[in-house]
N, C-alpha and C. Protein backbone atom coordinates (compact mmCIF):
# COMPACT_ATOMS: atom_id res chain seq x y z
N MET A 1 8.04 11.86 -12.15
CA MET A 1 6.56 11.37 -11.64
C MET A 1 6.16 12.55 -11.99
N GLN A 2 4.77 12.49 -12.74
CA GLN A 2 3.41 13.76 -12.73
C GLN A 2 2.33 13.04 -12.49
N VAL A 3 1.66 13.61 -11.58
CA VAL A 3 0.62 13.51 -10.96
C VAL A 3 -0.73 13.78 -11.78
N LEU A 4 -1.52 13.07 -12.09
CA LEU A 4 -2.39 13.59 -13.35
C LEU A 4 -3.64 13.82 -12.68
N LEU A 5 -4.36 15.12 -12.80
CA LEU A 5 -5.63 15.48 -12.09
C LEU A 5 -6.12 16.37 -13.32
N PRO A 6 -7.22 16.14 -13.98
CA PRO A 6 -7.84 16.64 -15.03
C PRO A 6 -8.47 18.11 -14.24
N PRO A 7 -8.66 19.03 -15.42
CA PRO A 7 -9.09 20.32 -14.67
C PRO A 7 -10.39 20.45 -14.15
N GLY A 8 -10.78 21.14 -12.89
CA GLY A 8 -11.71 21.19 -12.30
C GLY A 8 -11.90 20.02 -11.20
N TRP A 9 -11.58 18.89 -11.35
CA TRP A 9 -11.28 17.82 -10.53
C TRP A 9 -10.86 18.25 -9.16
N PRO A 10 -11.50 17.93 -8.02
CA PRO A 10 -10.86 17.98 -6.72
C PRO A 10 -9.93 16.79 -6.21
N ARG A 11 -8.95 17.34 -5.82
CA ARG A 11 -7.35 16.57 -5.35
C ARG A 11 -8.20 15.26 -4.58
N PRO A 12 -7.93 14.35 -4.86
CA PRO A 12 -8.54 13.03 -4.16
C PRO A 12 -7.74 12.99 -2.81
N LYS A 13 -8.12 12.17 -1.36
CA LYS A 13 -7.59 12.22 -0.36
C LYS A 13 -6.79 11.07 -0.31
N GLY A 14 -5.62 11.14 -0.06
CA GLY A 14 -4.85 9.71 0.34
C GLY A 14 -4.20 9.05 -0.96
N TYR A 15 -4.87 9.46 -2.08
CA TYR A 15 -4.73 8.71 -3.67
C TYR A 15 -4.36 9.51 -4.82
N SER A 16 -3.85 9.29 -5.81
CA SER A 16 -3.81 10.05 -7.04
C SER A 16 -4.62 9.16 -7.97
N ASN A 17 -5.52 10.57 -8.77
CA ASN A 17 -6.04 9.52 -9.96
C ASN A 17 -5.08 8.68 -10.81
N GLY A 18 -4.29 9.32 -11.18
CA GLY A 18 -3.59 8.76 -12.23
C GLY A 18 -1.90 9.59 -11.74
N ILE A 19 -0.91 8.43 -12.59
CA ILE A 19 0.62 9.00 -12.34
C ILE A 19 0.94 8.96 -13.99
N ALA A 20 2.04 9.47 -14.20
CA ALA A 20 2.70 9.52 -15.39
C ALA A 20 4.54 9.24 -14.76
N THR A 21 5.02 8.19 -15.69
CA THR A 21 6.48 8.21 -15.02
C THR A 21 7.16 7.20 -16.14
N SER A 22 8.41 7.05 -16.01
CA SER A 22 9.55 6.31 -16.78
C SER A 22 10.28 6.03 -15.79
N GLY A 23 10.88 5.09 -16.34
CA GLY A 23 12.17 4.21 -15.44
C GLY A 23 11.86 3.02 -15.37
N ARG A 24 12.79 2.31 -14.40
CA ARG A 24 13.02 0.69 -14.04
C ARG A 24 11.99 0.74 -13.32
N GLN A 25 11.10 -0.44 -13.54
CA GLN A 25 9.78 -0.96 -12.93
C GLN A 25 10.06 -1.97 -12.16
N VAL A 26 9.43 -1.88 -10.65
CA VAL A 26 9.66 -2.95 -9.58
C VAL A 26 8.50 -3.28 -9.14
N TYR A 27 7.88 -4.60 -9.42
CA TYR A 27 6.54 -5.12 -8.99
C TYR A 27 7.00 -5.96 -7.73
N VAL A 28 6.03 -5.83 -6.65
CA VAL A 28 5.85 -6.36 -5.27
C VAL A 28 4.72 -7.15 -5.05
N ALA A 29 4.85 -8.25 -5.25
CA ALA A 29 3.94 -9.33 -5.07
C ALA A 29 2.75 -8.69 -3.70
N GLY A 30 1.66 -9.49 -3.63
CA GLY A 30 1.06 -9.22 -2.46
C GLY A 30 1.67 -9.17 -1.07
N GLN A 31 1.69 -8.55 -0.33
CA GLN A 31 2.36 -8.51 1.07
C GLN A 31 1.04 -8.69 1.79
N ILE A 32 1.52 -9.72 2.90
CA ILE A 32 0.37 -9.66 3.91
C ILE A 32 1.26 -8.95 5.39
N GLY A 33 0.44 -8.98 6.59
CA GLY A 33 0.86 -8.59 7.60
C GLY A 33 1.75 -9.84 8.55
N TRP A 34 2.59 -10.48 7.61
CA TRP A 34 3.28 -11.40 8.62
C TRP A 34 4.56 -11.19 8.81
N ASP A 35 5.28 -11.74 10.00
CA ASP A 35 6.80 -11.51 10.03
C ASP A 35 7.39 -12.52 9.07
N GLU A 36 9.11 -11.96 9.43
CA GLU A 36 9.97 -13.36 8.62
C GLU A 36 9.61 -14.54 9.05
N HIS A 37 9.22 -15.11 10.02
CA HIS A 37 8.65 -16.40 10.26
C HIS A 37 7.41 -16.87 9.57
N GLY A 38 6.83 -16.01 9.34
CA GLY A 38 5.68 -16.36 8.12
C GLY A 38 4.50 -16.42 9.23
N SER A 39 4.67 -15.66 10.48
CA SER A 39 3.47 -15.62 11.66
C SER A 39 2.70 -14.44 11.46
N VAL A 40 1.20 -14.21 11.45
CA VAL A 40 0.83 -12.75 11.09
C VAL A 40 1.09 -12.33 12.38
N VAL A 41 1.29 -10.77 12.41
CA VAL A 41 1.74 -10.00 13.67
C VAL A 41 0.51 -10.12 14.77
N SER A 42 -0.31 -9.87 14.26
CA SER A 42 -1.61 -9.41 15.06
C SER A 42 -2.85 -9.75 14.38
N ASP A 43 -4.06 -9.68 15.43
CA ASP A 43 -5.29 -9.63 14.77
C ASP A 43 -5.77 -8.49 14.79
N ASP A 44 -5.13 -7.31 14.97
CA ASP A 44 -5.28 -6.02 14.83
C ASP A 44 -5.17 -5.28 13.46
N PHE A 45 -6.21 -4.83 12.57
CA PHE A 45 -6.12 -4.55 11.54
C PHE A 45 -4.83 -3.57 10.89
N ALA A 46 -5.10 -2.42 11.90
CA ALA A 46 -3.96 -1.05 12.03
C ALA A 46 -2.58 -2.19 12.07
N ALA A 47 -2.23 -3.19 12.87
CA ALA A 47 -0.92 -3.47 13.09
C ALA A 47 -0.85 -4.57 11.77
N GLN A 48 -1.59 -5.23 10.83
CA GLN A 48 -1.56 -5.78 9.94
C GLN A 48 -1.06 -4.73 9.01
N PHE A 49 -1.84 -3.82 8.69
CA PHE A 49 -1.71 -2.95 7.89
C PHE A 49 -0.17 -2.11 8.00
N GLU A 50 0.70 -1.95 9.14
CA GLU A 50 1.93 -1.56 9.35
C GLU A 50 2.75 -2.29 9.03
N LYS A 51 2.38 -3.68 9.05
CA LYS A 51 3.68 -4.78 8.51
C LYS A 51 3.44 -4.82 7.15
N VAL A 52 2.47 -4.77 6.69
CA VAL A 52 2.16 -5.01 4.99
C VAL A 52 3.27 -3.86 4.62
N LEU A 53 2.77 -2.45 4.95
CA LEU A 53 3.67 -1.50 4.43
C LEU A 53 5.16 -1.63 4.64
N GLU A 54 5.65 -2.48 5.82
CA GLU A 54 7.20 -2.60 6.33
C GLU A 54 7.40 -3.43 5.45
N ASN A 55 6.87 -4.58 5.04
CA ASN A 55 7.46 -5.80 4.22
C ASN A 55 7.46 -5.46 2.88
N THR A 56 6.41 -4.54 2.27
CA THR A 56 6.42 -3.96 0.78
C THR A 56 7.64 -2.95 0.81
N LEU A 57 8.12 -2.07 1.78
CA LEU A 57 9.39 -1.29 1.75
C LEU A 57 10.58 -2.30 1.78
N ALA A 58 10.47 -3.16 2.83
CA ALA A 58 11.77 -4.23 2.53
C ALA A 58 12.16 -4.74 0.94
N VAL A 59 10.78 -5.35 0.63
CA VAL A 59 11.21 -5.58 -0.85
C VAL A 59 11.51 -4.62 -1.72
N LEU A 60 11.12 -3.21 -1.53
CA LEU A 60 11.25 -2.46 -2.62
C LEU A 60 12.81 -2.14 -2.42
N ALA A 61 13.04 -1.86 -0.83
CA ALA A 61 14.80 -1.45 -1.19
C ALA A 61 15.52 -2.22 -1.71
N GLU A 62 15.40 -3.84 -1.88
CA GLU A 62 16.02 -4.91 -2.44
C GLU A 62 16.33 -4.28 -3.77
N ALA A 63 15.39 -3.38 -4.36
CA ALA A 63 15.71 -3.06 -6.03
C ALA A 63 16.04 -1.50 -5.90
N GLY A 64 16.61 -0.76 -4.39
CA GLY A 64 17.02 0.36 -4.58
C GLY A 64 15.96 1.29 -4.47
N ALA A 65 14.59 0.91 -4.15
CA ALA A 65 13.73 1.99 -4.38
C ALA A 65 13.08 2.14 -3.06
N GLY A 66 12.30 3.03 -3.03
CA GLY A 66 11.69 3.60 -1.59
C GLY A 66 10.16 4.13 -1.43
N PRO A 67 9.67 4.49 -0.54
CA PRO A 67 8.43 5.14 -0.52
C PRO A 67 8.41 5.78 -1.67
N GLU A 68 9.07 6.87 -1.86
CA GLU A 68 8.85 7.64 -3.28
C GLU A 68 8.89 7.44 -4.64
N HIS A 69 8.81 6.12 -4.90
CA HIS A 69 8.99 5.68 -6.00
C HIS A 69 7.64 4.65 -6.18
N ILE A 70 6.52 4.55 -5.56
CA ILE A 70 5.45 3.73 -5.32
C ILE A 70 4.73 4.55 -6.33
N VAL A 71 4.25 3.99 -7.38
CA VAL A 71 3.24 4.46 -8.29
C VAL A 71 2.06 3.87 -8.16
N ARG A 72 1.87 2.51 -7.83
CA ARG A 72 0.32 1.85 -7.54
C ARG A 72 0.40 0.75 -6.47
N MET A 73 -0.94 1.05 -6.12
CA MET A 73 -1.03 -0.24 -4.79
C MET A 73 -2.53 -0.53 -5.15
N THR A 74 -2.59 -2.38 -5.21
CA THR A 74 -3.95 -2.64 -4.95
C THR A 74 -4.21 -3.26 -3.67
N GLY A 75 -5.27 -3.01 -2.79
CA GLY A 75 -5.04 -3.52 -1.58
C GLY A 75 -6.71 -4.77 -1.79
N TYR A 76 -6.30 -6.10 -0.96
CA TYR A 76 -7.51 -6.54 -0.73
C TYR A 76 -7.94 -6.69 0.89
N ILE A 77 -9.22 -6.23 1.31
CA ILE A 77 -9.38 -6.20 2.50
C ILE A 77 -10.54 -7.18 2.74
N THR A 78 -10.25 -7.91 4.08
CA THR A 78 -11.74 -8.62 4.51
C THR A 78 -12.61 -8.17 4.91
N SER A 79 -12.65 -6.97 5.70
CA SER A 79 -13.77 -6.40 6.45
C SER A 79 -13.59 -4.67 5.98
N ARG A 80 -14.54 -4.18 5.49
CA ARG A 80 -14.65 -2.85 5.34
C ARG A 80 -14.99 -2.18 6.70
N ASP A 81 -15.47 -2.61 7.05
CA ASP A 81 -15.90 -1.99 8.99
C ASP A 81 -14.59 -2.03 9.35
N GLU A 82 -14.01 -3.08 9.38
CA GLU A 82 -12.53 -2.78 10.13
C GLU A 82 -11.54 -1.93 9.78
N TYR A 83 -12.00 -1.47 8.52
CA TYR A 83 -10.93 -0.87 7.53
C TYR A 83 -11.48 0.70 8.02
N ILE A 84 -12.80 0.93 8.09
CA ILE A 84 -13.05 1.86 8.32
C ILE A 84 -13.20 2.50 9.93
N ALA A 85 -12.87 1.44 10.63
CA ALA A 85 -12.69 1.81 12.16
C ALA A 85 -11.31 2.19 12.29
N ALA A 86 -10.42 1.47 11.54
CA ALA A 86 -9.03 1.70 11.86
C ALA A 86 -8.24 3.10 10.76
N GLU A 87 -9.18 3.84 9.94
CA GLU A 87 -8.64 4.72 9.22
C GLU A 87 -8.02 5.86 9.65
N ALA A 88 -8.22 6.42 11.05
CA ALA A 88 -7.56 7.49 11.42
C ALA A 88 -6.05 6.73 11.72
N LYS A 89 -5.72 5.46 12.44
CA LYS A 89 -4.67 4.58 12.82
C LYS A 89 -3.65 4.85 11.70
N LEU A 90 -4.54 4.12 10.56
CA LEU A 90 -3.90 4.01 8.93
C LEU A 90 -3.19 5.32 8.51
N GLY A 91 -3.86 6.24 8.53
CA GLY A 91 -3.29 7.40 7.99
C GLY A 91 -1.80 7.81 8.76
N GLY A 92 -2.04 7.44 10.22
CA GLY A 92 -0.66 8.17 10.97
C GLY A 92 0.28 7.15 10.29
N ILE A 93 -0.21 5.83 9.91
CA ILE A 93 0.79 4.72 9.70
C ILE A 93 1.64 5.17 8.49
N TRP A 94 0.64 5.40 7.51
CA TRP A 94 0.99 5.83 6.16
C TRP A 94 1.95 6.97 6.27
N LYS A 95 1.44 8.27 7.03
CA LYS A 95 2.43 9.43 6.77
C LYS A 95 4.29 8.83 7.53
N ARG A 96 3.98 8.13 8.23
CA ARG A 96 5.47 7.73 9.01
C ARG A 96 6.17 7.18 8.50
N LEU A 97 5.52 6.19 7.09
CA LEU A 97 6.37 5.08 6.60
C LEU A 97 6.51 5.47 5.14
N ILE A 98 5.16 5.90 4.41
CA ILE A 98 5.37 6.20 2.89
C ILE A 98 5.68 7.71 3.06
N GLY A 99 5.31 8.71 4.05
CA GLY A 99 5.67 10.23 3.68
C GLY A 99 4.49 10.65 3.02
N ARG A 100 4.69 11.74 2.04
CA ARG A 100 3.46 12.42 1.26
C ARG A 100 3.58 12.01 0.13
N ASN A 101 3.94 10.92 -0.13
CA ASN A 101 3.31 10.00 -1.70
C ASN A 101 2.29 9.50 -1.50
N TYR A 102 1.40 9.76 -2.68
CA TYR A 102 0.04 9.61 -2.72
C TYR A 102 -0.28 8.81 -4.41
N PRO A 103 -0.01 7.31 -4.09
CA PRO A 103 -0.07 6.58 -5.64
C PRO A 103 -1.37 6.43 -5.79
N THR A 104 -1.75 5.91 -7.05
CA THR A 104 -2.87 5.33 -7.60
C THR A 104 -3.33 4.19 -6.53
N MET A 105 -4.58 3.98 -6.10
CA MET A 105 -4.78 2.94 -5.22
C MET A 105 -6.51 2.50 -5.80
N ALA A 106 -6.51 1.26 -5.24
CA ALA A 106 -7.65 0.75 -5.26
C ALA A 106 -7.81 -0.43 -3.97
N PHE A 107 -9.08 -0.31 -3.43
CA PHE A 107 -9.03 -1.52 -2.38
C PHE A 107 -10.56 -2.34 -2.61
N VAL A 108 -10.10 -3.50 -2.56
CA VAL A 108 -11.28 -4.47 -2.93
C VAL A 108 -11.66 -5.31 -1.78
N ILE A 109 -12.95 -5.36 -1.19
CA ILE A 109 -13.58 -6.25 -0.21
C ILE A 109 -13.35 -7.46 -0.79
N VAL A 110 -12.96 -8.61 -0.14
CA VAL A 110 -12.66 -9.96 -0.49
C VAL A 110 -13.35 -10.91 0.75
N ALA A 111 -13.60 -12.18 0.30
CA ALA A 111 -14.53 -13.01 1.31
C ALA A 111 -13.13 -13.54 2.16
N GLY A 112 -11.92 -13.32 1.52
CA GLY A 112 -10.85 -13.99 2.78
C GLY A 112 -9.59 -14.10 1.37
N LEU A 113 -8.40 -14.50 2.32
CA LEU A 113 -7.18 -14.40 1.96
C LEU A 113 -6.80 -15.86 2.22
N ILE A 114 -5.73 -15.96 1.30
CA ILE A 114 -4.93 -17.37 1.33
C ILE A 114 -4.27 -17.79 2.87
N GLU A 115 -3.57 -16.87 3.55
CA GLU A 115 -3.39 -16.91 4.26
C GLU A 115 -4.18 -16.92 5.75
N PRO A 116 -4.02 -18.04 6.96
CA PRO A 116 -5.08 -17.93 7.74
C PRO A 116 -4.85 -16.77 8.89
N GLY A 117 -5.89 -15.66 8.94
CA GLY A 117 -5.68 -14.64 10.04
C GLY A 117 -5.34 -13.47 9.06
N ALA A 118 -4.75 -13.65 7.83
CA ALA A 118 -4.39 -12.19 7.32
C ALA A 118 -5.78 -11.50 7.03
N LYS A 119 -5.71 -10.06 7.26
CA LYS A 119 -7.11 -9.08 6.80
C LYS A 119 -6.83 -8.30 5.68
N ILE A 120 -5.49 -7.98 5.28
CA ILE A 120 -5.21 -7.12 4.57
C ILE A 120 -3.92 -7.82 3.32
N GLU A 121 -4.27 -7.61 2.19
CA GLU A 121 -3.31 -8.13 1.39
C GLU A 121 -2.96 -6.73 0.55
N ILE A 122 -1.44 -6.17 0.30
CA ILE A 122 -0.95 -5.32 -0.86
C ILE A 122 -0.20 -5.50 -1.78
N GLU A 123 -0.64 -5.14 -3.19
CA GLU A 123 0.46 -5.37 -3.89
C GLU A 123 0.80 -4.19 -4.64
N THR A 124 2.26 -3.69 -5.11
CA THR A 124 2.63 -2.42 -5.17
C THR A 124 3.23 -2.64 -6.83
N THR A 125 3.48 -1.39 -7.51
CA THR A 125 4.35 -1.19 -8.29
C THR A 125 4.65 0.11 -7.82
N ALA A 126 6.45 0.07 -8.46
CA ALA A 126 7.20 1.15 -7.96
C ALA A 126 7.91 1.43 -9.50
N VAL A 127 8.23 2.71 -9.53
CA VAL A 127 9.21 3.15 -10.74
C VAL A 127 10.45 3.96 -10.49
N ILE A 128 11.17 3.58 -10.41
CA ILE A 128 12.78 4.04 -10.22
C ILE A 128 13.12 4.94 -11.51
N PRO A 129 13.15 6.43 -11.37
CA PRO A 129 13.43 7.26 -12.41
C PRO A 129 14.86 6.61 -13.10
N ALA A 130 14.69 6.84 -14.53
CA ALA A 130 15.85 6.24 -15.34
C ALA A 130 16.99 7.41 -15.17
């Protein structure tokens, strides 16, 4: 995997501007913070974020992939304020579950998500090197 950083650009915090790679692609549908019974785990934004990442890693594991293979994530959040308030917790959760891999990322604020009580949904692309 090659992280793409144009000359003179500052290194972004928590994500990469671009990644070039080749191999077997794995696409993970949008995951929310619910458990195996379909219940949202908490009303807390950080707790939902943690469960989203755990769910994403569980799906990736089915393909033999791990956090080091993630190249892209797109997140949809229902509250910018809750996201900002939880940033310190989110960073710790990220480091514990994903480590030092910083894929390309985008977050979009949305009016709501399909599942009642969900505050965050993230879809993911991973590439397992050939």
